[in-house]
N, C-alpha and C. Protein backbone atom coordinates (compact mmCIF):
# COMPACT_ATOMS: atom_id res chain seq x y z
N MET A 1 19.08 56.60 19.62
CA MET A 1 20.22 55.84 20.08
C MET A 1 19.77 54.70 20.98
N LYS A 2 18.81 55.02 21.87
CA LYS A 2 18.30 54.01 22.78
C LYS A 2 17.62 52.87 22.00
N ALA A 3 16.88 53.23 20.93
CA ALA A 3 16.20 52.23 20.11
C ALA A 3 17.21 51.32 19.41
N LYS A 4 18.32 51.91 18.89
CA LYS A 4 19.36 51.11 18.24
C LYS A 4 20.00 50.15 19.24
N TYR A 5 20.23 50.63 20.46
CA TYR A 5 20.81 49.79 21.51
C TYR A 5 19.88 48.63 21.84
N LEU A 6 18.57 48.92 22.01
CA LEU A 6 17.60 47.87 22.32
C LEU A 6 17.50 46.87 21.16
N TYR A 7 17.48 47.40 19.94
CA TYR A 7 17.41 46.54 18.76
C TYR A 7 18.65 45.63 18.69
N GLY A 8 19.81 46.20 18.94
CA GLY A 8 21.06 45.43 18.93
C GLY A 8 21.08 44.37 20.01
N MET A 9 20.61 44.73 21.21
CA MET A 9 20.57 43.77 22.32
C MET A 9 19.58 42.63 22.01
N LEU A 10 18.43 42.98 21.41
CA LEU A 10 17.44 41.97 21.03
C LEU A 10 18.02 41.01 19.99
N LEU A 11 18.70 41.56 19.01
CA LEU A 11 19.33 40.75 17.98
C LEU A 11 20.40 39.84 18.58
N LEU A 12 21.21 40.38 19.48
CA LEU A 12 22.23 39.59 20.14
C LEU A 12 21.60 38.47 20.98
N PHE A 13 20.53 38.79 21.70
CA PHE A 13 19.84 37.81 22.53
C PHE A 13 19.28 36.67 21.68
N LEU A 14 18.62 37.04 20.55
CA LEU A 14 18.05 36.01 19.67
C LEU A 14 19.15 35.14 19.06
N SER A 15 20.26 35.74 18.68
CA SER A 15 21.36 34.97 18.10
C SER A 15 21.93 33.98 19.11
N VAL A 16 22.17 34.45 20.34
CA VAL A 16 22.70 33.58 21.38
C VAL A 16 21.71 32.46 21.69
N THR A 17 20.42 32.81 21.76
CA THR A 17 19.39 31.82 22.04
C THR A 17 19.36 30.76 20.95
N CYS A 18 19.44 31.19 19.72
CA CYS A 18 19.41 30.22 18.60
C CYS A 18 20.60 29.28 18.66
N PHE A 19 21.78 29.81 18.95
CA PHE A 19 22.97 28.97 18.98
C PHE A 19 22.98 28.04 20.18
N THR A 20 22.47 28.49 21.30
CA THR A 20 22.48 27.63 22.48
C THR A 20 21.31 26.66 22.48
N ALA A 21 20.25 26.95 21.72
CA ALA A 21 19.09 26.07 21.68
C ALA A 21 19.34 24.87 20.78
N CYS A 22 20.29 24.99 19.89
CA CYS A 22 20.59 23.89 18.97
C CYS A 22 21.33 22.79 19.71
N SER A 23 21.09 21.57 19.28
CA SER A 23 21.71 20.42 19.92
C SER A 23 22.56 19.67 18.91
N ASP A 24 23.60 19.04 19.40
CA ASP A 24 24.43 18.21 18.53
C ASP A 24 23.83 16.82 18.35
N ASP A 25 22.78 16.52 19.09
CA ASP A 25 22.15 15.21 19.05
C ASP A 25 21.26 15.11 17.81
N GLU A 26 21.77 14.45 16.75
CA GLU A 26 21.02 14.36 15.49
C GLU A 26 19.76 13.52 15.63
N ASP A 27 19.75 12.54 16.55
CA ASP A 27 18.58 11.69 16.73
C ASP A 27 17.35 12.48 17.13
N GLU A 28 17.58 13.63 17.74
CA GLU A 28 16.48 14.47 18.18
C GLU A 28 15.62 14.92 16.99
N TYR A 29 16.24 15.02 15.82
CA TYR A 29 15.56 15.51 14.64
C TYR A 29 15.28 14.42 13.61
N LEU A 30 15.47 13.18 13.96
CA LEU A 30 15.26 12.07 13.06
C LEU A 30 13.77 11.85 12.82
N ILE A 31 13.37 11.83 11.58
CA ILE A 31 11.97 11.60 11.22
C ILE A 31 11.91 10.32 10.41
N TRP A 32 11.02 9.42 10.79
CA TRP A 32 10.86 8.15 10.10
C TRP A 32 9.67 8.23 9.15
N ASP A 33 9.83 7.67 7.97
CA ASP A 33 8.76 7.59 6.99
C ASP A 33 8.72 6.14 6.53
N PHE A 34 7.58 5.49 6.71
CA PHE A 34 7.49 4.07 6.40
C PHE A 34 6.70 3.86 5.12
N TYR A 35 7.22 2.98 4.28
CA TYR A 35 6.57 2.65 3.01
C TYR A 35 5.20 2.03 3.30
N PRO A 36 4.18 2.44 2.56
CA PRO A 36 2.84 1.88 2.80
C PRO A 36 2.72 0.42 2.36
N ILE A 37 1.73 -0.25 2.90
CA ILE A 37 1.43 -1.63 2.48
C ILE A 37 0.52 -1.54 1.26
N ILE A 38 0.94 -2.18 0.18
CA ILE A 38 0.15 -2.24 -1.05
C ILE A 38 0.09 -3.70 -1.46
N LEU A 39 -1.10 -4.28 -1.49
CA LEU A 39 -1.24 -5.65 -1.96
C LEU A 39 -1.07 -5.64 -3.48
N GLN A 40 -0.18 -6.47 -4.00
CA GLN A 40 0.11 -6.53 -5.43
C GLN A 40 -0.19 -7.94 -5.92
N ILE A 41 -1.09 -8.04 -6.89
CA ILE A 41 -1.61 -9.35 -7.30
C ILE A 41 -1.38 -9.54 -8.80
N ALA A 42 -0.54 -10.50 -9.13
CA ALA A 42 -0.35 -10.89 -10.53
C ALA A 42 -1.25 -12.09 -10.78
N VAL A 43 -1.89 -12.14 -11.96
CA VAL A 43 -2.81 -13.23 -12.28
C VAL A 43 -2.40 -13.86 -13.60
N GLN A 44 -2.16 -15.17 -13.55
CA GLN A 44 -1.73 -15.91 -14.74
C GLN A 44 -2.54 -17.18 -14.88
N ASP A 45 -2.55 -17.71 -16.09
CA ASP A 45 -3.14 -19.03 -16.28
C ASP A 45 -2.05 -20.07 -16.06
N ALA A 46 -2.39 -21.33 -16.19
CA ALA A 46 -1.44 -22.42 -15.93
C ALA A 46 -0.23 -22.38 -16.87
N GLN A 47 -0.39 -21.76 -18.04
CA GLN A 47 0.71 -21.65 -19.00
C GLN A 47 1.57 -20.41 -18.75
N GLY A 48 1.23 -19.59 -17.75
CA GLY A 48 2.02 -18.40 -17.42
C GLY A 48 1.60 -17.14 -18.16
N ASN A 49 0.46 -17.19 -18.88
CA ASN A 49 -0.02 -16.01 -19.60
C ASN A 49 -0.60 -14.99 -18.62
N ASP A 50 -0.29 -13.72 -18.85
CA ASP A 50 -0.74 -12.62 -18.00
C ASP A 50 -2.22 -12.34 -18.27
N LEU A 51 -3.10 -12.81 -17.38
CA LEU A 51 -4.54 -12.67 -17.59
C LEU A 51 -5.07 -11.26 -17.33
N LEU A 52 -4.23 -10.38 -16.80
CA LEU A 52 -4.66 -9.00 -16.61
C LEU A 52 -4.31 -8.12 -17.80
N ASN A 53 -3.54 -8.65 -18.73
CA ASN A 53 -3.20 -7.92 -19.95
C ASN A 53 -4.39 -8.04 -20.91
N PRO A 54 -5.01 -6.92 -21.26
CA PRO A 54 -6.19 -6.98 -22.13
C PRO A 54 -5.93 -7.63 -23.49
N GLU A 55 -4.68 -7.69 -23.92
CA GLU A 55 -4.35 -8.27 -25.23
C GLU A 55 -4.12 -9.77 -25.17
N THR A 56 -4.09 -10.35 -23.98
CA THR A 56 -3.88 -11.79 -23.83
C THR A 56 -5.19 -12.52 -24.15
N PRO A 57 -5.16 -13.55 -25.01
CA PRO A 57 -6.37 -14.33 -25.23
C PRO A 57 -6.86 -14.93 -23.90
N GLY A 58 -8.15 -14.79 -23.62
CA GLY A 58 -8.72 -15.27 -22.37
C GLY A 58 -8.52 -14.30 -21.21
N SER A 59 -8.11 -13.06 -21.51
CA SER A 59 -7.87 -12.06 -20.47
C SER A 59 -9.12 -11.84 -19.61
N ILE A 60 -8.91 -11.59 -18.33
CA ILE A 60 -10.01 -11.27 -17.42
C ILE A 60 -9.99 -9.79 -17.02
N ALA A 61 -9.16 -9.00 -17.73
CA ALA A 61 -8.95 -7.59 -17.37
C ALA A 61 -10.25 -6.79 -17.33
N ASN A 62 -11.16 -7.06 -18.21
CA ASN A 62 -12.41 -6.29 -18.30
C ASN A 62 -13.63 -7.10 -17.90
N SER A 63 -13.43 -8.01 -16.95
CA SER A 63 -14.53 -8.91 -16.59
C SER A 63 -15.30 -8.48 -15.34
N GLY A 64 -15.00 -7.29 -14.80
CA GLY A 64 -15.74 -6.82 -13.63
C GLY A 64 -15.14 -7.25 -12.30
N ILE A 65 -13.81 -7.34 -12.24
CA ILE A 65 -13.12 -7.74 -11.01
C ILE A 65 -13.37 -6.70 -9.92
N LYS A 66 -13.57 -7.19 -8.69
CA LYS A 66 -13.83 -6.31 -7.55
C LYS A 66 -13.03 -6.79 -6.35
N ALA A 67 -12.82 -5.86 -5.41
CA ALA A 67 -12.25 -6.21 -4.10
C ALA A 67 -13.25 -5.77 -3.04
N ILE A 68 -13.41 -6.59 -2.02
CA ILE A 68 -14.31 -6.26 -0.91
C ILE A 68 -13.46 -6.15 0.34
N TYR A 69 -13.52 -4.98 0.98
CA TYR A 69 -12.74 -4.73 2.19
C TYR A 69 -13.61 -3.98 3.18
N LYS A 70 -13.75 -4.56 4.37
CA LYS A 70 -14.57 -3.99 5.44
C LYS A 70 -15.99 -3.66 4.97
N GLY A 71 -16.56 -4.58 4.18
CA GLY A 71 -17.93 -4.44 3.72
C GLY A 71 -18.13 -3.48 2.55
N VAL A 72 -17.07 -2.89 2.04
CA VAL A 72 -17.16 -1.96 0.91
C VAL A 72 -16.60 -2.64 -0.32
N THR A 73 -17.31 -2.53 -1.45
CA THR A 73 -16.87 -3.12 -2.71
C THR A 73 -16.16 -2.06 -3.55
N TYR A 74 -14.98 -2.42 -4.05
CA TYR A 74 -14.17 -1.52 -4.87
C TYR A 74 -14.07 -2.11 -6.27
N GLU A 75 -14.66 -1.42 -7.25
CA GLU A 75 -14.57 -1.84 -8.65
C GLU A 75 -13.15 -1.60 -9.13
N LYS A 76 -12.65 -2.48 -9.98
CA LYS A 76 -11.31 -2.33 -10.53
C LYS A 76 -11.21 -1.03 -11.33
N ASP A 77 -10.16 -0.28 -11.05
CA ASP A 77 -9.81 0.96 -11.75
C ASP A 77 -10.78 2.12 -11.54
N SER A 78 -11.62 2.06 -10.51
CA SER A 78 -12.46 3.22 -10.22
C SER A 78 -11.66 4.21 -9.37
N VAL A 79 -11.93 5.49 -9.55
CA VAL A 79 -11.18 6.54 -8.85
C VAL A 79 -11.71 6.69 -7.43
N ILE A 80 -10.79 6.71 -6.47
CA ILE A 80 -11.14 6.86 -5.05
C ILE A 80 -10.55 8.18 -4.56
N ASN A 81 -11.36 9.18 -4.36
CA ASN A 81 -10.97 10.47 -3.76
C ASN A 81 -9.49 10.82 -3.92
N PRO A 82 -9.09 11.33 -5.09
CA PRO A 82 -7.68 11.69 -5.27
C PRO A 82 -7.27 12.82 -4.32
N THR A 83 -5.99 12.84 -3.97
CA THR A 83 -5.46 13.87 -3.08
C THR A 83 -4.04 14.20 -3.49
N LYS A 84 -3.59 15.39 -3.13
CA LYS A 84 -2.20 15.77 -3.37
C LYS A 84 -1.38 15.60 -2.09
N ALA A 85 -2.01 15.13 -1.03
CA ALA A 85 -1.32 14.97 0.25
C ALA A 85 -0.21 13.93 0.11
N TYR A 86 0.90 14.14 0.80
CA TYR A 86 2.01 13.20 0.77
C TYR A 86 1.89 12.26 1.96
N MET A 87 1.13 11.21 1.77
CA MET A 87 0.92 10.18 2.78
C MET A 87 0.39 8.96 2.07
N ALA A 88 0.22 7.87 2.78
CA ALA A 88 -0.37 6.69 2.17
C ALA A 88 -1.77 7.06 1.70
N HIS A 89 -2.04 6.85 0.43
CA HIS A 89 -3.34 7.22 -0.13
C HIS A 89 -4.06 5.96 -0.57
N PHE A 90 -5.23 5.71 0.01
CA PHE A 90 -6.00 4.53 -0.33
C PHE A 90 -6.64 4.74 -1.70
N GLY A 91 -6.29 3.88 -2.64
CA GLY A 91 -6.78 4.01 -4.00
C GLY A 91 -7.70 2.89 -4.44
N GLY A 92 -8.08 1.98 -3.53
CA GLY A 92 -8.96 0.88 -3.91
C GLY A 92 -8.23 -0.14 -4.77
N LEU A 93 -8.94 -0.73 -5.72
CA LEU A 93 -8.40 -1.77 -6.60
C LEU A 93 -8.02 -1.15 -7.94
N GLN A 94 -6.74 -1.18 -8.29
CA GLN A 94 -6.26 -0.55 -9.51
C GLN A 94 -5.42 -1.53 -10.33
N THR A 95 -5.38 -1.30 -11.63
CA THR A 95 -4.51 -2.05 -12.52
C THR A 95 -3.27 -1.21 -12.79
N VAL A 96 -2.10 -1.82 -12.68
CA VAL A 96 -0.84 -1.13 -12.92
C VAL A 96 -0.02 -1.98 -13.88
N LYS A 97 0.64 -1.32 -14.81
CA LYS A 97 1.55 -2.04 -15.70
C LYS A 97 2.96 -1.87 -15.14
N ALA A 98 3.58 -2.99 -14.75
CA ALA A 98 4.92 -2.97 -14.16
C ALA A 98 5.97 -2.65 -15.22
N GLU A 99 7.17 -2.32 -14.76
CA GLU A 99 8.27 -2.00 -15.68
C GLU A 99 8.59 -3.15 -16.62
N ASN A 100 8.35 -4.39 -16.18
CA ASN A 100 8.63 -5.54 -17.03
C ASN A 100 7.50 -5.82 -18.04
N GLY A 101 6.45 -4.97 -18.04
CA GLY A 101 5.33 -5.13 -18.97
C GLY A 101 4.18 -5.94 -18.42
N GLN A 102 4.36 -6.57 -17.28
CA GLN A 102 3.29 -7.38 -16.69
C GLN A 102 2.25 -6.47 -16.04
N TYR A 103 1.00 -6.86 -16.16
CA TYR A 103 -0.09 -6.14 -15.51
C TYR A 103 -0.33 -6.76 -14.15
N ILE A 104 -0.55 -5.92 -13.13
CA ILE A 104 -0.85 -6.40 -11.79
C ILE A 104 -2.01 -5.59 -11.22
N LEU A 105 -2.72 -6.20 -10.29
CA LEU A 105 -3.73 -5.48 -9.52
C LEU A 105 -3.06 -4.98 -8.25
N THR A 106 -3.39 -3.77 -7.84
CA THR A 106 -2.91 -3.27 -6.56
C THR A 106 -4.13 -2.91 -5.71
N PHE A 107 -4.01 -3.13 -4.41
CA PHE A 107 -5.08 -2.76 -3.48
C PHE A 107 -4.42 -2.09 -2.28
N GLY A 108 -4.83 -0.89 -2.01
CA GLY A 108 -4.26 -0.11 -0.91
C GLY A 108 -4.18 1.33 -1.36
N GLU A 109 -3.40 2.08 -0.76
CA GLU A 109 -2.31 1.86 0.15
C GLU A 109 -2.83 1.90 1.59
N PHE A 110 -2.12 1.20 2.47
CA PHE A 110 -2.39 1.22 3.90
C PHE A 110 -1.17 1.82 4.59
N ASN A 111 -1.37 2.65 5.59
CA ASN A 111 -0.25 3.28 6.30
C ASN A 111 0.71 2.22 6.80
N GLY A 112 1.98 2.35 6.45
CA GLY A 112 2.99 1.35 6.79
C GLY A 112 3.25 1.21 8.26
N ASP A 113 3.00 2.26 9.04
CA ASP A 113 3.28 2.17 10.47
C ASP A 113 2.03 1.91 11.32
N ASP A 114 0.87 1.73 10.68
CA ASP A 114 -0.34 1.38 11.42
C ASP A 114 -0.32 -0.11 11.78
N THR A 115 -1.10 -0.48 12.79
CA THR A 115 -1.22 -1.88 13.17
C THR A 115 -2.46 -2.47 12.51
N PHE A 116 -2.28 -3.60 11.85
CA PHE A 116 -3.38 -4.32 11.22
C PHE A 116 -3.38 -5.74 11.77
N ASP A 117 -4.56 -6.25 12.10
CA ASP A 117 -4.65 -7.58 12.69
C ASP A 117 -5.63 -8.42 11.88
N HIS A 118 -5.11 -9.30 11.06
CA HIS A 118 -5.90 -10.22 10.23
C HIS A 118 -6.94 -9.48 9.38
N GLU A 119 -6.51 -8.40 8.72
CA GLU A 119 -7.40 -7.69 7.79
C GLU A 119 -7.72 -8.63 6.63
N GLU A 120 -8.93 -8.52 6.11
CA GLU A 120 -9.36 -9.42 5.04
C GLU A 120 -9.78 -8.62 3.82
N VAL A 121 -9.22 -9.00 2.67
CA VAL A 121 -9.59 -8.44 1.38
C VAL A 121 -10.03 -9.60 0.50
N VAL A 122 -11.25 -9.53 -0.01
CA VAL A 122 -11.78 -10.58 -0.88
C VAL A 122 -11.71 -10.07 -2.33
N ILE A 123 -11.06 -10.84 -3.19
CA ILE A 123 -11.02 -10.52 -4.61
C ILE A 123 -12.10 -11.35 -5.28
N ASP A 124 -13.10 -10.66 -5.82
CA ASP A 124 -14.23 -11.30 -6.51
C ASP A 124 -13.95 -11.20 -8.00
N TRP A 125 -13.72 -12.35 -8.63
CA TRP A 125 -13.35 -12.38 -10.04
C TRP A 125 -14.56 -12.23 -10.96
N ASN A 126 -15.73 -12.13 -10.41
CA ASN A 126 -16.97 -11.93 -11.17
C ASN A 126 -17.28 -13.12 -12.10
N ASP A 127 -16.80 -14.29 -11.72
CA ASP A 127 -17.10 -15.50 -12.47
C ASP A 127 -17.57 -16.61 -11.52
N GLY A 128 -17.93 -16.20 -10.29
CA GLY A 128 -18.35 -17.16 -9.29
C GLY A 128 -17.23 -17.62 -8.38
N THR A 129 -15.99 -17.18 -8.64
CA THR A 129 -14.86 -17.56 -7.79
C THR A 129 -14.31 -16.34 -7.05
N LYS A 130 -13.68 -16.60 -5.91
CA LYS A 130 -13.09 -15.53 -5.10
C LYS A 130 -11.79 -16.03 -4.51
N ASP A 131 -10.90 -15.11 -4.22
CA ASP A 131 -9.69 -15.38 -3.47
C ASP A 131 -9.69 -14.45 -2.27
N VAL A 132 -9.18 -14.93 -1.13
CA VAL A 132 -9.17 -14.15 0.10
C VAL A 132 -7.73 -13.90 0.53
N ILE A 133 -7.42 -12.62 0.72
CA ILE A 133 -6.10 -12.21 1.21
C ILE A 133 -6.28 -11.67 2.62
N ASN A 134 -5.46 -12.16 3.54
CA ASN A 134 -5.42 -11.63 4.90
C ASN A 134 -4.04 -11.07 5.15
N PHE A 135 -3.99 -9.97 5.91
CA PHE A 135 -2.68 -9.44 6.27
C PHE A 135 -2.71 -8.86 7.68
N SER A 136 -1.55 -8.96 8.33
CA SER A 136 -1.34 -8.38 9.65
C SER A 136 -0.01 -7.64 9.61
N SER A 137 0.08 -6.55 10.35
CA SER A 137 1.32 -5.79 10.42
C SER A 137 1.39 -5.07 11.76
N LYS A 138 2.55 -5.16 12.39
CA LYS A 138 2.77 -4.46 13.66
C LYS A 138 4.19 -3.95 13.69
N LEU A 139 4.33 -2.67 14.03
CA LEU A 139 5.63 -2.03 14.14
C LEU A 139 6.05 -2.00 15.61
N THR A 140 7.27 -2.46 15.87
CA THR A 140 7.85 -2.34 17.21
C THR A 140 9.24 -1.73 17.04
N TRP A 141 9.79 -1.24 18.13
CA TRP A 141 11.11 -0.60 18.09
C TRP A 141 12.08 -1.38 18.97
N LYS A 142 13.18 -1.86 18.39
CA LYS A 142 14.25 -2.48 19.19
C LYS A 142 15.00 -1.38 19.94
N SER A 143 15.16 -0.23 19.26
CA SER A 143 15.81 0.93 19.83
C SER A 143 15.30 2.14 19.06
N LYS A 144 15.80 3.32 19.41
CA LYS A 144 15.40 4.54 18.70
C LYS A 144 15.75 4.48 17.22
N GLU A 145 16.78 3.72 16.90
CA GLU A 145 17.27 3.66 15.52
C GLU A 145 16.82 2.43 14.75
N GLU A 146 16.07 1.52 15.39
CA GLU A 146 15.79 0.26 14.72
C GLU A 146 14.32 -0.15 14.80
N PRO A 147 13.53 0.26 13.78
CA PRO A 147 12.14 -0.21 13.74
C PRO A 147 12.10 -1.64 13.20
N VAL A 148 11.17 -2.44 13.73
CA VAL A 148 11.03 -3.83 13.30
C VAL A 148 9.56 -4.06 12.96
N PHE A 149 9.34 -4.64 11.79
CA PHE A 149 7.98 -4.96 11.37
C PHE A 149 7.74 -6.45 11.51
N ASN A 150 6.60 -6.79 12.06
CA ASN A 150 6.16 -8.17 12.10
C ASN A 150 4.95 -8.21 11.17
N ARG A 151 5.14 -8.76 9.99
CA ARG A 151 4.07 -8.80 8.98
C ARG A 151 3.81 -10.23 8.56
N GLU A 152 2.53 -10.47 8.25
CA GLU A 152 2.12 -11.79 7.77
C GLU A 152 1.07 -11.60 6.69
N PHE A 153 1.22 -12.35 5.60
CA PHE A 153 0.26 -12.31 4.50
C PHE A 153 -0.20 -13.73 4.21
N LEU A 154 -1.50 -13.89 4.01
CA LEU A 154 -2.08 -15.19 3.68
C LEU A 154 -2.92 -15.07 2.42
N LEU A 155 -2.89 -16.11 1.61
CA LEU A 155 -3.74 -16.22 0.43
C LEU A 155 -4.57 -17.48 0.59
N ASN A 156 -5.88 -17.30 0.68
CA ASN A 156 -6.81 -18.42 0.88
C ASN A 156 -6.40 -19.29 2.07
N GLY A 157 -5.97 -18.63 3.16
CA GLY A 157 -5.64 -19.32 4.40
C GLY A 157 -4.22 -19.87 4.47
N LYS A 158 -3.43 -19.76 3.39
CA LYS A 158 -2.06 -20.27 3.39
C LYS A 158 -1.08 -19.11 3.46
N LYS A 159 -0.12 -19.22 4.39
CA LYS A 159 0.87 -18.17 4.57
C LYS A 159 1.72 -18.02 3.32
N ILE A 160 1.94 -16.77 2.92
CA ILE A 160 2.75 -16.45 1.74
C ILE A 160 4.06 -15.86 2.23
N ASP A 161 5.17 -16.30 1.65
CA ASP A 161 6.49 -15.82 2.06
C ASP A 161 6.78 -14.49 1.38
N THR A 162 6.25 -13.40 1.97
CA THR A 162 6.48 -12.06 1.46
C THR A 162 6.38 -11.08 2.62
N GLN A 163 7.19 -10.06 2.59
CA GLN A 163 7.09 -8.98 3.57
C GLN A 163 6.40 -7.77 2.95
N TYR A 164 6.11 -7.82 1.66
CA TYR A 164 5.61 -6.65 0.96
C TYR A 164 4.26 -6.84 0.29
N GLY A 165 3.58 -7.94 0.50
CA GLY A 165 2.23 -8.12 -0.03
C GLY A 165 2.18 -8.41 -1.52
N VAL A 166 3.14 -9.18 -2.02
CA VAL A 166 3.17 -9.54 -3.44
C VAL A 166 2.62 -10.96 -3.59
N PHE A 167 1.63 -11.10 -4.46
CA PHE A 167 0.96 -12.39 -4.65
C PHE A 167 0.97 -12.75 -6.13
N SER A 168 1.03 -14.05 -6.41
CA SER A 168 0.87 -14.54 -7.77
C SER A 168 -0.23 -15.60 -7.72
N ILE A 169 -1.29 -15.35 -8.47
CA ILE A 169 -2.45 -16.23 -8.46
C ILE A 169 -2.55 -16.92 -9.82
N ILE A 170 -2.69 -18.23 -9.78
CA ILE A 170 -2.95 -19.00 -11.00
C ILE A 170 -4.45 -19.16 -11.11
N LYS A 171 -5.02 -18.65 -12.18
CA LYS A 171 -6.47 -18.64 -12.35
C LYS A 171 -6.83 -19.54 -13.52
N GLU A 172 -7.66 -20.50 -13.23
CA GLU A 172 -8.15 -21.39 -14.28
C GLU A 172 -9.43 -20.79 -14.87
N PRO A 173 -9.64 -20.98 -16.16
CA PRO A 173 -10.88 -20.45 -16.76
C PRO A 173 -12.10 -21.12 -16.16
N VAL A 174 -13.15 -20.34 -15.99
CA VAL A 174 -14.42 -20.86 -15.46
C VAL A 174 -15.41 -20.86 -16.60
N ILE A 175 -16.07 -22.00 -16.81
CA ILE A 175 -17.08 -22.11 -17.87
C ILE A 175 -18.40 -21.70 -17.26
N LEU A 176 -18.98 -20.66 -17.83
CA LEU A 176 -20.25 -20.14 -17.33
C LEU A 176 -21.41 -20.71 -18.13
N PRO A 177 -22.55 -20.90 -17.48
CA PRO A 177 -23.73 -21.32 -18.22
C PRO A 177 -24.10 -20.27 -19.25
N PHE A 178 -24.78 -20.67 -20.32
CA PHE A 178 -25.13 -19.74 -21.40
C PHE A 178 -25.98 -18.59 -20.95
N ASN A 179 -26.88 -18.80 -19.97
CA ASN A 179 -27.80 -17.74 -19.60
C ASN A 179 -27.24 -16.81 -18.54
N ARG A 180 -26.03 -17.02 -18.08
CA ARG A 180 -25.46 -16.15 -17.05
C ARG A 180 -24.70 -15.01 -17.71
N LYS A 181 -24.88 -13.83 -17.16
CA LYS A 181 -24.18 -12.66 -17.70
C LYS A 181 -23.01 -12.31 -16.85
């Protein structure tokens, strides 16, 4: 009988504690998840042909494109330590076919809430030409409910009007000497 009484009192105590420990303040439990930064690069010739599409005449899709970031070279479409973790996952330089059928290069992902200050990514087209992408991102809070991002993206030193790292590059064909591979 004493054990039942103690068990009942313990159950009552835990129930009361649970109900009184809860708060009506929903902000207390608000969790923010920020979309990662992914540099997205479409490459076309002057006529608007998708040069990343392997079926396009003059395509550069299989020409050995690389990205250089913090002194590390990332070959296009090479696998970078896959994970099942649910967070921004850095995948290096990848080719993606968009819903509209266009092929794009992606580089990243970078944590959306991290601070980046003039990060530099060099795209080496493997034909003697390169393009340089710089990006900065800083998260500040106007209030508990209002995150504000200050982001800037540059392509070859010129500011690009994008908050999401989307670039369109016009690539002219490069004539290589006969003895160059």
